Protein backbone atom coordinates (compact mmCIF):
# COMPACT_ATOMS: atom_id res chain seq x y z
CA MET A 1 36.55 -40.01 66.25
CA PRO A 2 39.96 -40.55 64.70
CA GLU A 3 39.72 -41.84 61.07
CA GLY A 4 41.90 -44.86 61.80
CA GLY A 5 39.68 -45.88 64.61
CA PHE A 6 36.55 -45.66 62.33
CA VAL A 7 38.17 -47.69 59.63
CA SER A 8 39.51 -50.48 62.11
CA LYS A 9 35.74 -50.68 63.33
CA VAL A 10 34.36 -51.15 59.72
CA GLU A 11 36.93 -53.65 58.99
CA LYS A 12 35.81 -55.62 61.92
CA LEU A 13 32.31 -55.85 60.81
CA LYS A 14 31.06 -58.63 58.81
CA MET A 15 30.95 -58.45 55.04
CA PRO A 16 27.07 -57.83 54.73
CA TYR A 17 27.29 -54.79 56.97
CA ARG A 18 30.47 -53.43 55.32
CA LEU A 19 28.73 -53.89 51.86
CA LEU A 20 25.47 -52.13 53.45
CA ILE A 21 27.76 -49.19 54.61
CA TYR A 22 29.46 -48.94 51.23
CA PHE A 23 26.37 -49.03 49.09
CA GLY A 24 24.60 -46.65 51.62
CA SER A 25 27.32 -44.20 51.26
CA LEU A 26 27.31 -44.51 47.55
CA ILE A 27 23.44 -44.06 47.62
CA VAL A 28 23.91 -40.86 49.74
CA LEU A 29 26.51 -39.48 47.40
CA VAL A 30 24.49 -40.09 44.38
CA GLY A 31 21.41 -38.62 46.06
CA LEU A 32 23.34 -35.43 46.96
CA PHE A 33 24.71 -35.31 43.29
CA VAL A 34 21.03 -35.63 42.00
CA TRP A 35 19.46 -33.13 44.20
CA LEU A 36 22.30 -30.62 44.15
CA VAL A 37 23.51 -30.86 40.58
CA PHE A 38 21.33 -32.98 38.24
CA VAL A 39 17.97 -31.59 39.09
CA PRO A 40 18.88 -27.95 39.10
CA THR A 41 20.78 -28.50 35.89
CA ARG A 42 17.71 -30.33 34.24
CA LYS A 43 15.44 -27.55 35.32
CA GLU A 44 17.91 -25.10 33.71
CA ILE A 45 17.98 -26.98 30.46
CA GLN A 46 14.28 -27.35 30.40
CA LYS A 47 14.01 -23.65 30.92
CA THR A 48 16.50 -23.08 28.15
CA ARG A 49 14.67 -25.41 25.73
CA GLN A 50 11.47 -23.53 26.42
CA GLN A 51 13.18 -20.31 25.68
CA ILE A 52 14.58 -21.71 22.49
CA SER A 53 11.20 -22.97 21.43
CA GLN A 54 9.60 -19.52 22.04
CA LEU A 55 12.42 -17.83 19.95
CA ASP A 56 11.92 -20.33 17.26
CA ARG A 57 8.31 -19.48 16.98
CA LYS A 58 8.97 -15.75 17.07
CA ILE A 59 11.55 -16.09 14.38
CA ALA A 60 8.95 -18.22 12.37
CA GLN A 61 6.32 -15.49 12.73
CA ALA A 62 8.86 -12.76 12.11
CA LYS A 63 9.66 -14.62 8.87
CA ILE A 64 6.17 -14.70 7.83
CA ARG A 65 5.52 -11.02 8.52
CA ALA A 66 8.65 -10.25 6.45
CA ARG A 67 7.30 -12.12 3.49
CA ASN A 68 3.96 -10.59 3.90
CA LEU A 69 5.49 -6.97 4.45
CA LYS A 70 7.23 -7.44 1.21
CA LYS A 71 4.02 -8.60 -0.66
CA PHE A 72 2.14 -5.63 1.06
CA GLU A 73 4.76 -3.14 0.09
CA ALA A 74 4.58 -4.53 -3.61
CA GLU A 75 0.80 -4.17 -3.59
CA LEU A 76 1.04 -0.69 -1.82
CA LYS A 77 3.60 0.57 -4.62
CA GLU A 78 1.31 -0.97 -7.54
CA ILE A 79 -1.81 0.85 -6.01
CA ASP A 80 0.31 4.02 -5.61
CA THR A 81 1.28 3.90 -9.13
CA GLU A 82 -2.02 3.40 -10.35
CA PHE A 83 -3.28 6.23 -8.20
CA GLN A 84 -0.82 8.55 -9.59
CA GLN A 85 -1.88 7.44 -13.03
CA ALA A 86 -5.53 8.19 -12.20
CA LEU A 87 -4.64 11.64 -10.89
CA LYS A 88 -3.16 12.56 -14.16
CA LEU A 89 -6.63 12.11 -15.72
CA LEU A 90 -8.02 14.33 -12.95
CA PRO A 91 -6.57 17.87 -12.55
CA ASN A 92 -6.78 19.56 -9.39
CA LYS A 93 -8.47 22.94 -8.95
CA LYS A 94 -5.31 24.99 -9.59
CA GLU A 95 -5.10 23.08 -13.07
CA ILE A 96 -8.64 23.69 -14.23
CA PRO A 97 -7.99 27.25 -15.89
CA THR A 98 -5.02 25.73 -17.73
CA LEU A 99 -6.87 22.69 -18.91
CA LEU A 100 -9.70 25.20 -20.42
CA ARG A 101 -7.09 27.32 -22.11
CA THR A 102 -5.75 24.14 -23.69
CA ILE A 103 -9.12 23.09 -24.99
CA THR A 104 -9.60 26.43 -26.57
CA GLN A 105 -6.13 26.46 -28.10
CA LEU A 106 -6.95 22.95 -29.56
CA GLY A 107 -9.96 24.69 -31.13
CA ALA A 108 -7.89 27.64 -32.63
CA ASP A 109 -5.32 25.10 -33.82
CA CYS A 110 -8.16 23.27 -35.80
CA ASN A 111 -9.08 26.56 -37.41
CA LEU A 112 -12.26 26.84 -35.33
CA THR A 113 -13.83 30.09 -34.00
CA PHE A 114 -15.38 29.97 -30.55
CA VAL A 115 -18.72 31.37 -30.43
CA LEU A 116 -19.55 30.36 -26.84
CA PHE A 117 -17.26 28.60 -24.32
CA SER A 118 -18.98 28.63 -20.82
CA PRO A 119 -18.02 26.60 -17.88
CA LYS A 120 -21.20 25.75 -15.79
CA ASN A 121 -21.51 25.33 -12.15
CA GLU A 122 -19.58 22.21 -10.81
CA ARG A 123 -21.31 18.87 -9.62
CA ALA A 124 -19.62 17.33 -6.76
CA LYS A 125 -19.36 13.41 -6.69
CA GLU A 126 -17.92 11.02 -4.26
CA PHE A 127 -14.12 11.78 -4.90
CA TYR A 128 -14.20 13.92 -7.95
CA VAL A 129 -16.10 17.00 -9.18
CA GLU A 130 -17.74 17.25 -12.72
CA ILE A 131 -17.23 20.50 -14.60
CA PRO A 132 -19.85 20.98 -17.47
CA ILE A 133 -18.83 23.19 -20.35
CA GLU A 134 -21.10 24.58 -22.92
CA MET A 135 -19.35 25.14 -26.24
CA GLU A 136 -20.37 26.65 -29.86
CA VAL A 137 -17.83 26.59 -32.49
CA ARG A 138 -17.74 27.65 -36.10
CA GLY A 139 -15.79 25.88 -38.70
CA LYS A 140 -15.58 23.31 -41.30
CA TYR A 141 -16.86 19.63 -40.82
CA HIS A 142 -13.26 18.28 -40.86
CA ASP A 143 -11.83 20.79 -38.38
CA ALA A 144 -14.65 20.16 -36.02
CA ALA A 145 -14.01 16.35 -36.29
CA MET A 146 -10.18 17.13 -35.81
CA PHE A 147 -10.95 19.07 -32.69
CA PHE A 148 -13.09 16.39 -31.01
CA TYR A 149 -10.32 13.73 -31.96
CA LYS A 150 -7.55 15.99 -30.31
CA ILE A 151 -9.72 16.46 -27.29
CA GLY A 152 -10.28 12.63 -27.02
CA ARG A 153 -6.35 12.22 -27.03
CA MET A 154 -5.78 14.57 -24.14
CA ASP A 155 -4.26 13.27 -20.88
CA ARG A 156 -7.05 14.62 -19.11
CA ILE A 157 -10.67 13.16 -19.29
CA VAL A 158 -13.07 15.49 -21.28
CA LYS A 159 -16.23 13.98 -22.55
CA ILE A 160 -18.15 15.44 -25.36
CA LEU A 161 -21.86 15.16 -25.07
CA ASP A 162 -25.07 16.21 -27.10
CA PHE A 163 -23.55 17.81 -29.87
CA SER A 164 -25.14 19.08 -33.20
CA MET A 165 -24.06 20.53 -36.41
CA LYS A 166 -25.82 22.85 -38.75
CA PRO A 167 -24.64 25.20 -41.62
CA VAL A 168 -24.42 28.89 -40.69
CA LYS A 169 -26.03 29.62 -43.88
CA LYS A 170 -27.89 27.54 -46.54
CA ASP A 171 -25.29 25.65 -48.71
CA SER A 172 -22.27 26.85 -46.62
CA ASP A 173 -19.44 24.59 -45.72
CA ILE A 174 -19.00 26.37 -42.54
CA LEU A 175 -21.00 24.62 -39.69
CA LEU A 176 -22.15 25.86 -36.23
CA THR A 177 -21.42 22.97 -33.76
CA LYS A 178 -22.81 23.08 -30.32
CA CYS A 179 -21.99 20.60 -27.65
CA ASN A 180 -21.82 20.13 -23.97
CA ALA A 181 -18.40 18.87 -22.71
CA VAL A 182 -17.63 17.43 -19.17
CA THR A 183 -14.34 17.28 -17.60
CA TYR A 184 -13.36 16.50 -14.16
CA ARG A 185 -11.16 17.42 -11.14
CA PHE A 186 -9.92 15.67 -8.19
CA LYS A 187 -11.77 16.39 -5.16
CA GLY A 188 -9.15 15.60 -2.32
CA SER A 189 -7.94 18.61 -0.46
CA THR A 190 -4.62 16.96 0.27
CA TYR A 191 -3.82 16.60 -3.61
CA GLU A 192 -5.30 20.16 -4.27
CA GLN A 193 -2.68 21.79 -1.69
CA SER A 194 0.16 19.66 -3.11
CA PRO A 195 2.18 21.55 -5.98
CA LYS A 196 3.41 18.22 -7.20
CA GLY A 197 0.07 16.49 -6.78
CA LYS A 198 1.16 13.98 -4.20
CA LYS A 199 -1.10 12.18 -2.02
């Protein structure tokens, strides 16, 4: 139908019908806009908001993990430092001969003569091994006391147990000092295999 004919027919209609056609057309256009443009856009906006909310949660969780990670790394570093310091007190298996030689050298430096220096069978514990040593030294009281003092000042743990002193001869100032010492070594195989003593 020609456009002019449709318009002329509409113009001939009464005003209420003309208004009805106008508002009807407007409602149809608005409906099409809502259906074709507004609804899909709103769904897309809601979807985007959900994605943003999820990303915000993930970012918040990542920040918490980052804070916890820094705290964990600091604690791990502190524990590792303490562990390395503890390992200095416990020689590994390869260092035991050197440690025993150091003890005998300390005795010699204190003018003591070793009568007996006998490492005994090792005693395994949970993460370390005890190494008992039976010792007898001959020398003056002050020299023996200095020897025990120097052993106590060593980096390695060496405990002196059950010691006794008696003169080698009546009225002699030379004493025969007997004692049992205990030193320790680290039991971990990884540490023993590492030349630098790392975990």
